[in-house]
Amino acid sequence: MLEPWIIDQIRRREEEERRGGDRPQLELPVPDAPEDKPDSDAGDGKKDEPQPKRGVVIIAM
């Protein structure tokens, strides 16, 4: 049988893991890309569909 203080520690750790969404997340300051770029796929027929934003962010450590 485990000691009561060990059981309390295990319960606290399990509660912290369940509340894992409370941890802060890193948010990068990524500037918005200009939307007035010329369309390279003008004859594609997908003009009305929104295109996903794509790019690369370099993090120097």
N, C-alpha and C. Protein backbone atom coordinates (compact mmCIF):
# COMPACT_ATOMS: atom_id res chain seq x y z
N MET A 1 0.85 -1.18 0.00
CA MET A 1 0.00 0.00 0.00
C MET A 1 0.89 1.24 0.00
N LEU A 2 0.51 2.22 -0.78
CA LEU A 2 1.27 3.46 -0.88
C LEU A 2 0.94 4.39 0.29
N GLU A 3 1.90 5.21 0.61
CA GLU A 3 1.70 6.21 1.65
C GLU A 3 0.68 7.25 1.16
N PRO A 4 -0.11 7.86 2.07
CA PRO A 4 -1.13 8.84 1.66
C PRO A 4 -0.54 10.05 0.92
N TRP A 5 0.64 10.50 1.29
CA TRP A 5 1.22 11.67 0.62
C TRP A 5 1.61 11.35 -0.82
N ILE A 6 1.99 10.09 -1.07
CA ILE A 6 2.32 9.69 -2.44
C ILE A 6 1.05 9.65 -3.28
N ILE A 7 -0.04 9.15 -2.72
CA ILE A 7 -1.31 9.11 -3.44
C ILE A 7 -1.77 10.52 -3.77
N ASP A 8 -1.60 11.46 -2.84
CA ASP A 8 -1.96 12.86 -3.09
C ASP A 8 -1.15 13.44 -4.24
N GLN A 9 0.14 13.15 -4.26
CA GLN A 9 0.99 13.65 -5.35
C GLN A 9 0.55 13.10 -6.70
N ILE A 10 0.23 11.83 -6.73
CA ILE A 10 -0.22 11.21 -7.98
C ILE A 10 -1.51 11.86 -8.46
N ARG A 11 -2.44 12.10 -7.54
CA ARG A 11 -3.70 12.75 -7.90
C ARG A 11 -3.47 14.16 -8.43
N ARG A 12 -2.57 14.91 -7.80
CA ARG A 12 -2.27 16.28 -8.27
C ARG A 12 -1.68 16.25 -9.68
N ARG A 13 -0.77 15.33 -9.92
CA ARG A 13 -0.16 15.22 -11.25
C ARG A 13 -1.20 14.87 -12.31
N GLU A 14 -2.10 13.94 -11.97
CA GLU A 14 -3.15 13.55 -12.92
C GLU A 14 -4.08 14.73 -13.22
N GLU A 15 -4.41 15.52 -12.20
CA GLU A 15 -5.24 16.71 -12.41
C GLU A 15 -4.54 17.72 -13.30
N GLU A 16 -3.25 17.93 -13.08
CA GLU A 16 -2.49 18.87 -13.91
C GLU A 16 -2.44 18.40 -15.36
N GLU A 17 -2.32 17.10 -15.58
CA GLU A 17 -2.29 16.56 -16.94
C GLU A 17 -3.64 16.75 -17.62
N ARG A 18 -4.73 16.59 -16.87
CA ARG A 18 -6.06 16.78 -17.44
C ARG A 18 -6.30 18.24 -17.80
N ARG A 19 -5.73 19.14 -17.03
CA ARG A 19 -5.87 20.57 -17.30
C ARG A 19 -4.76 21.06 -18.22
N GLY A 20 -4.18 20.18 -18.99
CA GLY A 20 -3.06 20.50 -19.86
C GLY A 20 -3.33 21.62 -20.84
N GLY A 21 -4.59 21.91 -21.17
CA GLY A 21 -4.92 22.99 -22.09
C GLY A 21 -4.64 24.36 -21.50
N ASP A 22 -4.36 24.44 -20.21
CA ASP A 22 -4.08 25.71 -19.56
C ASP A 22 -2.66 26.20 -19.78
N ARG A 23 -1.83 25.35 -20.36
CA ARG A 23 -0.44 25.74 -20.57
C ARG A 23 -0.34 26.80 -21.66
N PRO A 24 0.54 27.77 -21.50
CA PRO A 24 0.70 28.79 -22.54
C PRO A 24 1.34 28.20 -23.80
N GLN A 25 0.97 28.75 -24.93
CA GLN A 25 1.52 28.31 -26.21
C GLN A 25 2.31 29.44 -26.84
N LEU A 26 3.32 29.08 -27.57
CA LEU A 26 4.16 30.05 -28.25
C LEU A 26 3.43 30.57 -29.48
N GLU A 27 3.32 31.89 -29.59
CA GLU A 27 2.72 32.51 -30.76
C GLU A 27 3.77 33.36 -31.44
N LEU A 28 3.99 33.10 -32.74
CA LEU A 28 5.01 33.82 -33.48
C LEU A 28 4.42 35.07 -34.13
N PRO A 29 5.15 36.17 -34.08
CA PRO A 29 4.68 37.40 -34.75
C PRO A 29 4.96 37.34 -36.24
N VAL A 30 4.06 36.70 -36.98
CA VAL A 30 4.23 36.53 -38.41
C VAL A 30 3.47 37.64 -39.13
N PRO A 31 4.17 38.45 -39.95
CA PRO A 31 3.47 39.52 -40.67
C PRO A 31 2.55 38.92 -41.74
N ASP A 32 1.44 39.60 -42.01
CA ASP A 32 0.51 39.15 -43.05
C ASP A 32 1.11 39.39 -44.42
N ALA A 33 0.87 38.44 -45.31
CA ALA A 33 1.36 38.56 -46.69
C ALA A 33 0.43 39.47 -47.47
N PRO A 34 0.97 40.26 -48.39
CA PRO A 34 0.10 41.12 -49.19
C PRO A 34 -0.82 40.28 -50.06
N GLU A 35 -2.09 40.67 -50.13
CA GLU A 35 -3.10 39.91 -50.88
C GLU A 35 -3.17 40.33 -52.35
N ASP A 36 -2.46 41.39 -52.74
CA ASP A 36 -2.57 41.89 -54.10
C ASP A 36 -1.52 41.27 -55.05
N LYS A 37 -1.13 40.02 -54.81
CA LYS A 37 -0.18 39.33 -55.69
C LYS A 37 -0.87 38.94 -56.99
N PRO A 38 -0.16 38.95 -58.09
CA PRO A 38 -0.78 38.50 -59.34
C PRO A 38 -1.06 37.01 -59.29
N ASP A 39 -2.18 36.62 -59.89
CA ASP A 39 -2.59 35.21 -59.88
C ASP A 39 -1.84 34.45 -60.96
N SER A 40 -1.04 33.47 -60.58
CA SER A 40 -0.29 32.68 -61.56
C SER A 40 -1.15 31.57 -62.14
N ASP A 41 -2.24 31.19 -61.47
CA ASP A 41 -3.14 30.14 -61.93
C ASP A 41 -4.44 30.74 -62.44
N ALA A 42 -4.39 31.77 -63.26
CA ALA A 42 -5.59 32.48 -63.70
C ALA A 42 -6.52 31.58 -64.50
N GLY A 43 -6.04 30.66 -65.28
CA GLY A 43 -6.87 29.80 -66.10
C GLY A 43 -7.24 28.50 -65.42
N ASP A 44 -7.05 28.41 -64.12
CA ASP A 44 -7.27 27.18 -63.38
C ASP A 44 -8.74 26.91 -63.09
N GLY A 45 -9.57 27.94 -63.02
CA GLY A 45 -10.98 27.77 -62.71
C GLY A 45 -11.27 27.72 -61.22
N LYS A 46 -10.28 27.89 -60.37
CA LYS A 46 -10.45 27.86 -58.91
C LYS A 46 -10.35 29.27 -58.33
N LYS A 47 -10.82 30.23 -59.07
CA LYS A 47 -10.65 31.62 -58.67
C LYS A 47 -11.44 31.96 -57.41
N ASP A 48 -12.63 31.35 -57.26
CA ASP A 48 -13.49 31.68 -56.12
C ASP A 48 -13.11 30.95 -54.84
N GLU A 49 -12.33 29.88 -54.94
CA GLU A 49 -11.95 29.11 -53.76
C GLU A 49 -10.83 29.82 -53.02
N PRO A 50 -10.93 29.95 -51.70
CA PRO A 50 -9.86 30.58 -50.93
C PRO A 50 -8.62 29.69 -50.89
N GLN A 51 -7.47 30.28 -51.08
CA GLN A 51 -6.21 29.55 -51.04
C GLN A 51 -5.66 29.58 -49.62
N PRO A 52 -5.09 28.49 -49.14
CA PRO A 52 -4.51 28.48 -47.80
C PRO A 52 -3.25 29.34 -47.74
N LYS A 53 -3.03 29.97 -46.59
CA LYS A 53 -1.81 30.77 -46.41
C LYS A 53 -0.67 29.80 -46.13
N ARG A 54 0.41 29.99 -46.86
CA ARG A 54 1.56 29.11 -46.71
C ARG A 54 2.80 29.96 -46.58
N GLY A 55 3.83 29.37 -46.00
CA GLY A 55 5.08 30.09 -45.88
C GLY A 55 6.04 29.38 -44.95
N VAL A 56 7.15 30.01 -44.70
CA VAL A 56 8.19 29.45 -43.85
C VAL A 56 8.57 30.50 -42.81
N VAL A 57 8.72 30.06 -41.58
CA VAL A 57 9.19 30.93 -40.52
C VAL A 57 10.50 30.37 -40.00
N ILE A 58 11.54 31.16 -40.01
CA ILE A 58 12.86 30.73 -39.53
C ILE A 58 13.05 31.24 -38.11
N ILE A 59 13.35 30.32 -37.21
CA ILE A 59 13.56 30.68 -35.81
C ILE A 59 15.03 30.47 -35.50
N ALA A 60 15.73 31.54 -35.14
CA ALA A 60 17.14 31.45 -34.81
C ALA A 60 17.28 31.26 -33.30
N MET A 61 18.03 30.26 -32.92
CA MET A 61 18.21 30.00 -31.49
C MET A 61 19.65 30.16 -31.10
